Protein backbone atom coordinates (compact mmCIF):
# COMPACT_ATOMS: atom_id res chain seq x y z
CA MET A 1 150.51 87.70 177.84
CA VAL A 2 149.71 91.12 175.89
CA HIS A 3 153.12 90.94 174.17
CA GLY A 4 152.65 87.32 173.25
CA VAL A 5 149.27 88.22 171.60
CA THR A 6 150.68 90.97 169.66
CA ALA A 7 153.30 88.80 168.58
CA LEU A 8 151.26 86.22 167.44
CA LEU A 9 148.90 88.90 165.58
CA MET A 10 152.08 89.94 163.73
CA LEU A 11 152.93 86.39 163.09
CA VAL A 12 149.62 85.84 161.55
CA SER A 13 149.57 88.97 159.48
CA VAL A 14 152.70 88.41 158.10
CA GLY A 15 152.13 84.71 157.29
CA ALA A 16 149.72 85.95 154.48
CA ALA A 17 152.69 86.47 152.40
CA PRO A 18 153.58 83.37 150.21
CA PRO A 19 157.00 82.00 150.24
CA PRO A 20 159.77 83.39 147.62
CA ASP A 21 159.37 81.33 144.52
CA PRO A 22 162.97 81.46 142.92
CA VAL A 23 161.93 79.35 139.95
CA ALA A 24 159.13 81.83 138.83
CA VAL A 25 161.71 84.58 139.23
CA ARG A 26 163.84 82.97 137.05
CA GLU A 27 161.30 82.43 134.45
CA VAL A 28 160.52 86.10 134.55
CA GLN A 29 164.03 87.12 133.97
CA ALA A 30 164.37 84.51 131.16
CA GLY A 31 161.39 86.11 129.65
CA MET A 32 159.27 83.14 130.05
CA ARG A 33 156.62 85.16 132.09
CA ASP A 34 155.27 88.64 131.55
CA VAL A 35 153.60 88.66 134.82
CA ALA A 36 155.56 88.76 138.22
CA ASP A 37 154.23 88.67 141.79
CA ALA A 38 156.25 90.81 144.19
CA THR A 39 156.27 88.22 146.93
CA TRP A 40 158.23 85.92 144.59
CA TRP A 41 161.50 87.53 145.44
CA GLY A 42 160.83 87.21 149.01
CA PHE A 43 158.52 89.61 151.30
CA ASP A 44 160.62 91.05 154.28
CA PRO A 45 158.47 92.36 156.71
CA VAL A 46 161.41 94.60 157.94
CA ASN A 47 162.55 95.62 154.83
CA ALA A 48 160.68 94.64 151.62
CA THR A 49 162.74 96.87 149.02
CA ALA A 50 164.65 93.91 147.64
CA ALA A 51 161.04 92.23 146.83
CA LEU A 52 159.62 95.12 145.10
CA GLN A 53 162.73 96.42 143.38
CA GLY A 54 163.43 93.07 142.00
CA ALA A 55 160.10 92.64 140.55
CA ILE A 56 160.10 96.11 138.99
CA SER A 57 163.79 95.49 137.48
CA SER A 58 162.98 91.83 136.39
CA GLY A 59 161.56 93.02 132.96
CA ALA A 60 158.18 91.72 133.42
CA ARG A 61 155.31 93.65 131.91
CA ARG A 62 153.13 93.46 134.65
CA VAL A 63 154.24 93.66 138.32
CA ILE A 64 151.66 92.66 141.08
CA VAL A 65 152.06 93.94 144.45
CA PRO A 66 149.56 91.78 146.69
CA ASN A 67 148.17 92.72 149.96
CA VAL A 68 150.20 90.63 152.43
CA GLY A 69 148.47 91.92 155.70
CA ALA A 70 151.52 94.12 156.46
CA ASP A 71 153.18 97.05 154.99
CA TRP A 72 155.80 97.00 152.13
CA LEU A 73 158.57 98.91 154.19
CA VAL A 74 160.76 100.14 151.35
CA GLU A 75 163.64 102.53 150.51
CA PRO A 76 163.81 104.54 147.56
CA ILE A 77 162.26 102.77 144.50
CA SER A 78 163.39 103.27 140.78
CA LEU A 79 160.58 102.67 138.21
CA GLU A 80 161.25 101.10 134.78
CA SER A 81 159.85 101.66 131.25
CA ASP A 82 157.19 99.56 129.62
CA GLN A 83 155.66 98.24 132.91
CA GLU A 84 152.35 98.20 134.58
CA ILE A 85 152.36 97.90 138.42
CA VAL A 86 149.12 96.69 140.28
CA PHE A 87 148.98 97.59 143.86
CA GLU A 88 145.92 95.51 145.23
CA GLU A 89 143.42 96.80 147.27
CA GLY A 90 144.54 97.43 150.87
CA VAL A 91 148.24 97.55 149.94
CA VAL A 92 150.15 100.03 151.69
CA ILE A 93 153.69 100.94 150.51
CA THR A 94 155.61 102.78 153.51
CA ALA A 95 158.86 104.77 153.61
CA ARG A 96 161.34 102.81 155.69
CA GLU A 97 162.33 104.78 158.85
CA GLY A 98 165.43 106.81 158.45
CA ALA A 99 165.93 105.25 155.04
CA PHE A 100 165.28 108.81 153.04
CA PRO A 101 168.48 110.88 154.44
CA GLY A 102 169.12 112.98 151.19
CA THR A 103 166.99 115.58 150.61
CA GLY A 104 166.00 114.54 147.18
CA ASP A 105 165.06 110.97 148.29
CA CYS A 106 161.91 109.84 146.57
CA LEU A 107 159.61 106.89 147.51
CA PHE A 108 159.35 106.32 143.62
CA ARG A 109 161.18 108.01 140.92
CA ALA A 110 161.42 107.67 136.95
CA ASP A 111 163.73 109.50 134.97
CA ARG A 112 163.62 109.68 131.19
CA LYS A 113 161.09 106.51 131.28
CA ARG A 114 158.18 105.77 129.02
CA ASN A 115 155.17 103.59 129.09
CA ILE A 116 154.52 103.12 132.81
CA THR A 117 151.14 102.35 134.40
CA LEU A 118 150.69 102.66 138.13
CA ARG A 119 147.29 101.31 139.17
CA GLY A 120 146.25 101.18 142.86
CA TYR A 121 142.62 101.59 143.56
CA GLY A 122 142.51 101.36 147.54
CA ALA A 123 146.16 101.22 147.83
CA THR A 124 148.53 103.92 149.63
CA LEU A 125 151.96 105.00 149.33
CA ARG A 126 153.06 106.76 152.40
CA MET A 127 155.98 108.48 153.63
CA ARG A 128 157.29 109.73 156.97
CA LYS A 129 156.63 113.61 157.12
CA ALA A 130 157.69 114.00 160.79
CA GLU A 131 160.84 112.82 159.90
CA TYR A 132 161.69 115.46 157.07
CA THR A 133 162.45 118.72 158.80
CA GLU A 134 165.00 119.97 156.02
CA GLY A 135 164.36 120.17 152.40
CA GLU A 136 161.29 120.12 150.08
CA TRP A 137 162.16 117.60 147.56
CA ARG A 138 161.38 114.30 148.86
CA MET A 139 158.22 113.35 146.77
CA ALA A 140 156.10 110.37 146.97
CA LEU A 141 156.27 110.09 143.17
CA SER A 142 158.80 111.75 140.94
CA LEU A 143 158.40 111.61 137.38
CA ARG A 144 161.01 113.56 135.10
CA SER A 145 161.29 113.68 131.30
CA CYS A 146 158.99 110.71 131.03
CA THR A 147 156.41 109.83 128.34
CA ASN A 148 152.93 108.04 128.38
CA VAL A 149 152.47 107.68 132.31
CA LYS A 150 149.13 106.59 133.65
CA ILE A 151 148.70 106.93 137.70
CA LEU A 152 145.33 105.58 138.50
CA GLY A 153 143.25 105.22 142.16
CA LEU A 154 146.35 105.52 144.17
CA THR A 155 146.53 107.58 147.56
CA LEU A 156 149.79 109.46 148.19
CA ARG A 157 150.57 110.50 151.82
CA ASP A 158 153.12 112.38 154.09
CA SER A 159 155.91 113.10 151.75
CA GLY A 160 158.62 115.67 152.42
CA GLY A 161 157.84 117.26 149.44
CA ASP A 162 155.01 116.61 146.69
CA GLY A 163 152.55 113.95 146.47
CA ILE A 164 153.33 113.86 142.64
CA TYR A 165 156.08 115.99 140.93
CA ILE A 166 156.39 116.34 137.17
CA GLY A 167 159.60 117.69 135.74
CA ASN A 168 162.36 117.75 133.88
CA ALA A 169 165.63 115.62 133.53
CA ASP A 170 166.59 115.51 130.05
CA PRO A 171 167.67 118.61 127.99
CA GLU A 172 166.61 116.74 124.78
CA GLN A 173 162.99 116.37 126.34
CA PRO A 174 162.95 118.98 129.33
CA TYR A 175 159.27 118.08 129.74
CA CYS A 176 156.93 114.96 130.77
CA ARG A 177 154.23 114.12 127.96
CA ASP A 178 151.37 112.23 127.77
CA ILE A 179 150.45 111.79 131.71
CA LEU A 180 147.26 110.66 133.18
CA ILE A 181 146.35 111.12 136.74
CA ARG A 182 143.01 109.54 137.61
CA ASP A 183 141.13 109.07 140.91
CA CYS A 184 144.19 109.59 143.08
CA VAL A 185 144.18 111.44 146.52
CA CYS A 186 147.37 113.88 147.57
CA ASP A 187 147.10 114.33 151.39
CA ASN A 188 149.19 116.01 154.02
CA HIS A 189 152.44 116.86 151.87
CA ARG A 190 155.05 119.04 153.02
CA ARG A 191 155.33 121.37 149.98
CA GLN A 192 152.57 120.72 147.39
CA GLY A 193 150.24 117.92 146.68
CA LEU A 194 151.00 118.02 142.90
CA SER A 195 153.88 120.14 141.33
CA VAL A 196 153.66 120.67 137.72
CA ILE A 197 157.07 122.02 136.37
CA THR A 198 157.01 121.17 132.68
CA ALA A 199 154.65 118.96 130.79
CA GLU A 200 152.79 118.63 127.53
CA ASN A 201 149.32 116.54 127.27
CA LEU A 202 148.47 116.32 131.24
CA LEU A 203 145.24 114.98 132.23
CA VAL A 204 144.16 115.18 135.84
CA GLU A 205 140.61 113.72 136.56
CA ARG A 206 138.78 113.25 139.79
CA CYS A 207 141.58 113.58 141.85
CA ALA A 208 141.90 115.39 145.46
CA PHE A 209 144.72 117.47 146.53
CA ARG A 210 144.35 117.98 150.53
CA ASN A 211 146.15 119.25 153.69
CA THR A 212 149.12 120.35 152.30
CA ASN A 213 151.65 121.91 154.80
CA GLY A 214 155.15 122.46 155.86
CA THR A 215 157.29 124.63 153.56
CA ALA A 216 155.93 127.47 151.08
CA PRO A 217 153.95 127.23 148.85
CA GLU A 218 152.09 124.77 150.60
CA ALA A 219 149.49 124.43 147.58
CA GLY A 220 147.16 121.91 146.52
CA VAL A 221 148.27 121.96 142.89
CA ASP A 222 151.02 124.30 141.66
CA LEU A 223 151.98 124.96 138.08
CA GLU A 224 155.50 126.38 138.32
CA PRO A 225 158.07 125.98 135.60
CA ASN A 226 161.91 126.55 136.50
CA LEU A 227 163.14 127.27 133.64
CA PRO A 228 162.07 129.66 130.27
CA GLY A 229 162.80 126.75 127.89
CA GLU A 230 160.13 124.35 129.82
CA ARG A 231 156.66 124.21 128.92
CA LEU A 232 152.89 124.03 129.93
CA ILE A 233 151.05 122.54 126.96
CA ASN A 234 147.39 121.23 127.11
CA CYS A 235 147.49 120.74 130.77
CA VAL A 236 143.92 119.71 132.01
CA PHE A 237 142.67 119.29 135.30
CA ARG A 238 139.03 117.90 135.37
CA ASP A 239 136.43 117.37 138.34
CA CYS A 240 139.18 117.75 141.03
CA VAL A 241 139.13 119.25 144.43
CA MET A 242 141.78 121.03 146.47
CA GLU A 243 140.76 121.41 149.81
CA GLY A 244 142.30 122.34 153.53
CA ASN A 245 145.98 123.63 151.88
CA THR A 246 147.69 125.95 153.87
CA GLY A 247 148.56 127.91 150.87
CA PRO A 248 146.85 128.36 147.53
CA GLY A 249 144.30 125.72 146.18
CA ILE A 250 145.56 126.36 142.78
CA LEU A 251 149.06 128.19 142.25
CA CYS A 252 150.23 129.09 138.81
CA TYR A 253 153.56 131.16 139.16
CA PHE A 254 155.27 131.64 135.72
CA GLY A 255 158.03 133.85 136.91
CA PRO A 256 160.76 131.98 135.10
CA LEU A 257 158.96 131.92 131.93
CA SER A 258 159.68 134.57 128.92
CA ASN A 259 158.54 135.59 125.82
CA GLU A 260 160.49 132.90 124.11
CA THR A 261 158.66 130.09 126.00
CA LEU A 262 156.11 128.23 124.16
CA PRO A 263 152.64 129.55 124.66
CA VAL A 264 150.96 128.52 127.78
CA SER A 265 147.52 126.40 127.68
CA ALA A 266 146.07 125.09 130.95
CA ARG A 267 142.50 124.53 131.88
CA PHE A 268 140.61 123.95 135.01
CA GLU A 269 137.11 122.39 134.47
CA ARG A 270 134.63 121.67 137.34
CA CYS A 271 137.15 122.02 140.01
CA ARG A 272 136.35 123.08 143.68
CA VAL A 273 138.50 124.92 145.87
CA THR A 274 138.24 125.30 149.59
CA SER A 275 140.40 126.10 152.44
CA ALA A 276 140.33 127.42 156.26
CA THR A 277 143.67 129.12 155.70
CA GLY A 278 144.56 129.85 152.10
CA VAL A 279 143.96 131.61 148.76
CA GLY A 280 141.70 129.67 146.48
CA ILE A 281 143.33 130.63 143.27
CA MET A 282 146.65 132.37 142.83
CA LEU A 283 148.20 133.50 139.45
CA GLY A 284 151.50 135.17 139.55
CA GLY A 285 154.98 136.01 138.27
CA THR A 286 154.47 137.23 134.61
CA ARG A 287 156.20 140.28 133.10
CA SER A 288 156.12 142.34 129.92
CA PRO A 289 157.19 141.17 127.30
CA GLY A 290 156.53 137.81 128.83
CA PRO A 291 155.05 134.45 128.22
CA THR A 292 151.62 134.23 125.89
CA GLY A 293 148.71 131.71 125.95
CA GLU A 294 146.34 131.34 128.40
CA VAL A 295 144.88 129.62 131.60
CA VAL A 296 141.21 128.99 131.71
CA PHE A 297 138.78 128.20 134.64
CA ARG A 298 135.53 126.82 133.20
CA ASP A 299 132.65 125.93 135.87
CA CYS A 300 134.81 125.83 138.94
CA LEU A 301 133.69 126.76 142.86
CA ILE A 302 135.77 128.71 145.00
CA GLU A 303 134.29 128.74 148.34
CA ASP A 304 134.74 128.97 152.21
CA CYS A 305 138.25 130.33 151.83
CA ALA A 306 139.78 132.13 154.63
CA HIS A 307 142.11 134.30 152.25
CA VAL A 308 141.08 135.88 148.77
CA GLY A 309 139.23 133.79 146.22
CA LEU A 310 141.33 134.85 143.25
CA ASN A 311 144.50 136.65 143.68
CA LEU A 312 146.50 138.40 140.76
CA SER A 313 149.94 138.62 142.14
CA THR A 314 152.38 140.22 139.98
CA TRP A 315 150.36 139.06 136.69
CA ALA A 316 150.88 141.02 133.99
CA ALA A 317 148.15 142.27 131.87
CA ASP A 318 149.92 141.72 128.47
CA ALA A 319 151.18 138.35 129.14
CA VAL A 320 149.28 135.04 130.04
CA ALA A 321 145.78 135.76 129.96
CA ALA A 322 143.52 134.27 132.52
CA ARG A 323 139.70 133.46 131.66
CA PHE A 324 136.95 132.72 134.05
CA GLU A 325 133.84 131.05 132.36
CA TRP A 326 130.92 130.27 135.03
CA CYS A 327 132.85 130.24 137.94
CA THR A 328 131.57 131.08 141.32
CA TRP A 329 133.40 132.54 144.47
CA ARG A 330 131.25 132.01 147.66
CA ASN A 331 132.17 133.19 151.24
CA VAL A 332 135.87 133.66 150.57
CA ALA A 333 137.85 136.21 152.32
CA ASN A 334 136.06 135.05 155.32
CA GLY A 335 139.01 135.56 157.76
CA ASP A 336 139.90 139.13 157.38
CA LEU A 337 137.43 141.82 156.23
CA ASP A 338 140.05 143.96 154.91
CA LEU A 339 140.51 141.64 152.05
CA ALA A 340 138.15 141.29 149.19
CA PRO A 341 136.83 138.28 147.36
CA MET A 342 139.41 139.22 144.44
CA GLN A 343 142.61 141.02 144.63
CA LEU A 344 145.26 142.40 142.45
CA GLU A 345 148.74 143.11 143.68
CA ASN A 346 152.21 143.83 142.78
CA TRP A 347 155.08 142.82 144.79
CA ASP A 348 157.92 143.30 142.20
CA HIS A 349 158.74 146.62 140.98
CA SER A 350 162.15 145.87 139.11
CA VAL A 351 160.30 146.10 135.97
CA GLU A 352 157.18 147.91 134.62
CA ARG A 353 154.11 146.04 134.84
CA VAL A 354 150.55 146.76 134.69
CA ILE A 355 148.22 144.19 136.64
CA GLY A 356 145.43 142.40 135.01
CA GLY A 357 144.81 140.24 132.04
CA ALA A 358 141.75 138.54 133.37
CA GLU A 359 138.47 137.95 131.37
CA PHE A 360 135.05 137.00 133.09
CA SER A 361 132.05 135.49 131.51
CA TYR A 362 129.19 134.65 133.46
CA CYS A 363 130.72 134.17 136.71
CA ARG A 364 129.48 135.03 140.19
CA ILE A 365 130.54 136.61 143.42
CA GLU A 366 128.43 135.93 146.64
CA ASP A 367 129.56 137.80 149.55
CA LEU A 368 127.97 139.29 152.93
CA TRP A 369 130.49 141.97 153.84
CA ASN A 370 130.80 145.79 153.21
CA ARG A 371 133.56 145.77 150.76
CA PRO A 372 134.47 145.70 146.89
CA ALA A 373 134.12 142.57 144.81
CA ILE A 374 137.58 143.38 143.37
CA LEU A 375 140.15 145.42 144.98
CA ALA A 376 143.70 146.72 143.74
CA LEU A 377 146.13 146.87 146.50
CA PRO A 378 148.14 150.13 146.70
CA SER A 379 151.15 148.03 145.39
CA VAL A 380 149.78 148.05 142.00
CA ALA A 381 151.07 151.78 141.60
CA PRO A 382 152.58 153.61 139.66
CA TRP A 383 151.58 151.28 136.44
CA GLY A 384 148.13 150.36 137.90
CA VAL A 385 145.57 147.85 136.42
CA GLY A 386 144.42 146.73 133.03
CA ASP A 387 142.80 144.64 130.72
CA LEU A 388 139.97 143.43 132.95
CA ARG A 389 136.90 142.52 131.20
CA GLY A 390 133.70 140.65 130.71
CA GLY A 391 130.80 140.63 133.31
CA MET A 392 129.87 139.02 136.56
CA THR A 393 126.78 139.00 138.96
CA ILE A 394 127.64 140.08 142.45
CA ARG A 395 125.24 139.07 145.16
CA ASN A 396 126.27 141.26 148.38
CA PRO A 397 123.72 143.18 150.74
CA TYR A 398 125.87 146.45 150.39
CA GLY A 399 125.89 146.39 146.61
CA ALA A 400 128.35 145.70 143.73
CA ARG A 401 131.39 147.46 143.39
CA VAL A 402 135.25 147.29 142.74
CA ALA A 403 138.15 149.58 143.92
CA LEU A 404 140.92 149.50 141.30
CA GLY A 405 142.70 152.66 142.38
CA ASP A 406 143.91 155.75 140.31
CA THR A 407 145.47 154.21 137.50
CA VAL A 408 143.26 152.26 135.11
CA ARG A 409 143.46 151.25 131.48
CA ASP A 410 141.40 148.99 129.18
CA VAL A 411 139.06 147.78 132.01
CA MET A 412 135.41 146.94 130.84
CA LEU A 413 133.78 144.99 133.52
CA THR A 414 129.87 144.62 133.76
CA LEU A 415 128.51 144.06 137.28
CA ASP A 416 125.26 142.77 137.71
CA ASP A 417 124.00 143.56 141.31
CA GLU A 418 121.61 140.69 141.88
CA LEU A 419 120.06 142.59 145.18
CA ALA A 420 119.58 145.90 143.45
CA GLY A 421 115.80 146.94 143.65
């Protein structure tokens, strides 16, 4: 009897999908309609790939993906230029079991496309992370060398790589340009919530990047070019949350960039980072001579992190500058009292590198333990620490101090001990 009830419920649910409409399909393909409903191609509850891909490839300017009361189970989907896809509230697009055997198979992919909008407030794109035990490139959404793309309101879950990947597929345009990601959630991805490999004019607003775990770096957001000819220009993150990621909440690794790379310009405004295991913010990989430009953090809160709140890890003092304005670190490095709220280190001694290149304006560190606010690890030797500037307020019952090692150059830090006297 239970099996009969279950079967009845499944029939009722799938019955919400209207029947195929071949006449409407022909009208779309003939250019007589600008708007297409994906169910016109025939929703199949076992494999909806043909319906969804058929609608996307039809030439329609707008594709509606309706809530049919069941998941759209699909194989890899290719996006097209000059199209808006509207996922209705409650729609769930799910990767079919066993249908993504290649380590680079993505749920949605766009290479060298332009003028795409993915709108899905209340909709979910999800993969089957438990299946993907090898590789790190099965993205929920991959954009490579694309222009003018908007991603609005979607939840992206459970990929075998990144929730969203922004990269390069074309030597003539080795970057994505004019990308907007707003009101999205990237949750439980294997490698990163969002990877930005190369982009110009990227705006990420009101998004959450959560619970990345599976394979390194396991960051919420990772800005990490692969080639010196790639770029990070005018990349802005505003009002975002990075929480519960195994690795850094925010990672900027610029190792492949050179002194011939276009100047970096990235900014994080009013972002919050928290993690029970990972680093708050990690900046690393620059060298001397290296890329120029700056990464700015403005009015950000980094709190309740088990690891350090800020790690300048092999971050050269005379390359890309880091600027922190009105930022607060609160209860960070709380999983190991041998750590410090901020740390500097150098794990690559193949080239001479002074570690530093950071400026602090109106920043705060709130800590409860007897340790320095900023600690340089022994690995910074022999070249030491340099170009640390500005001022910050320290709230610590044991006083305000730093420990930067024996070799220090061009360091002008002012510490205001809030509890003194």
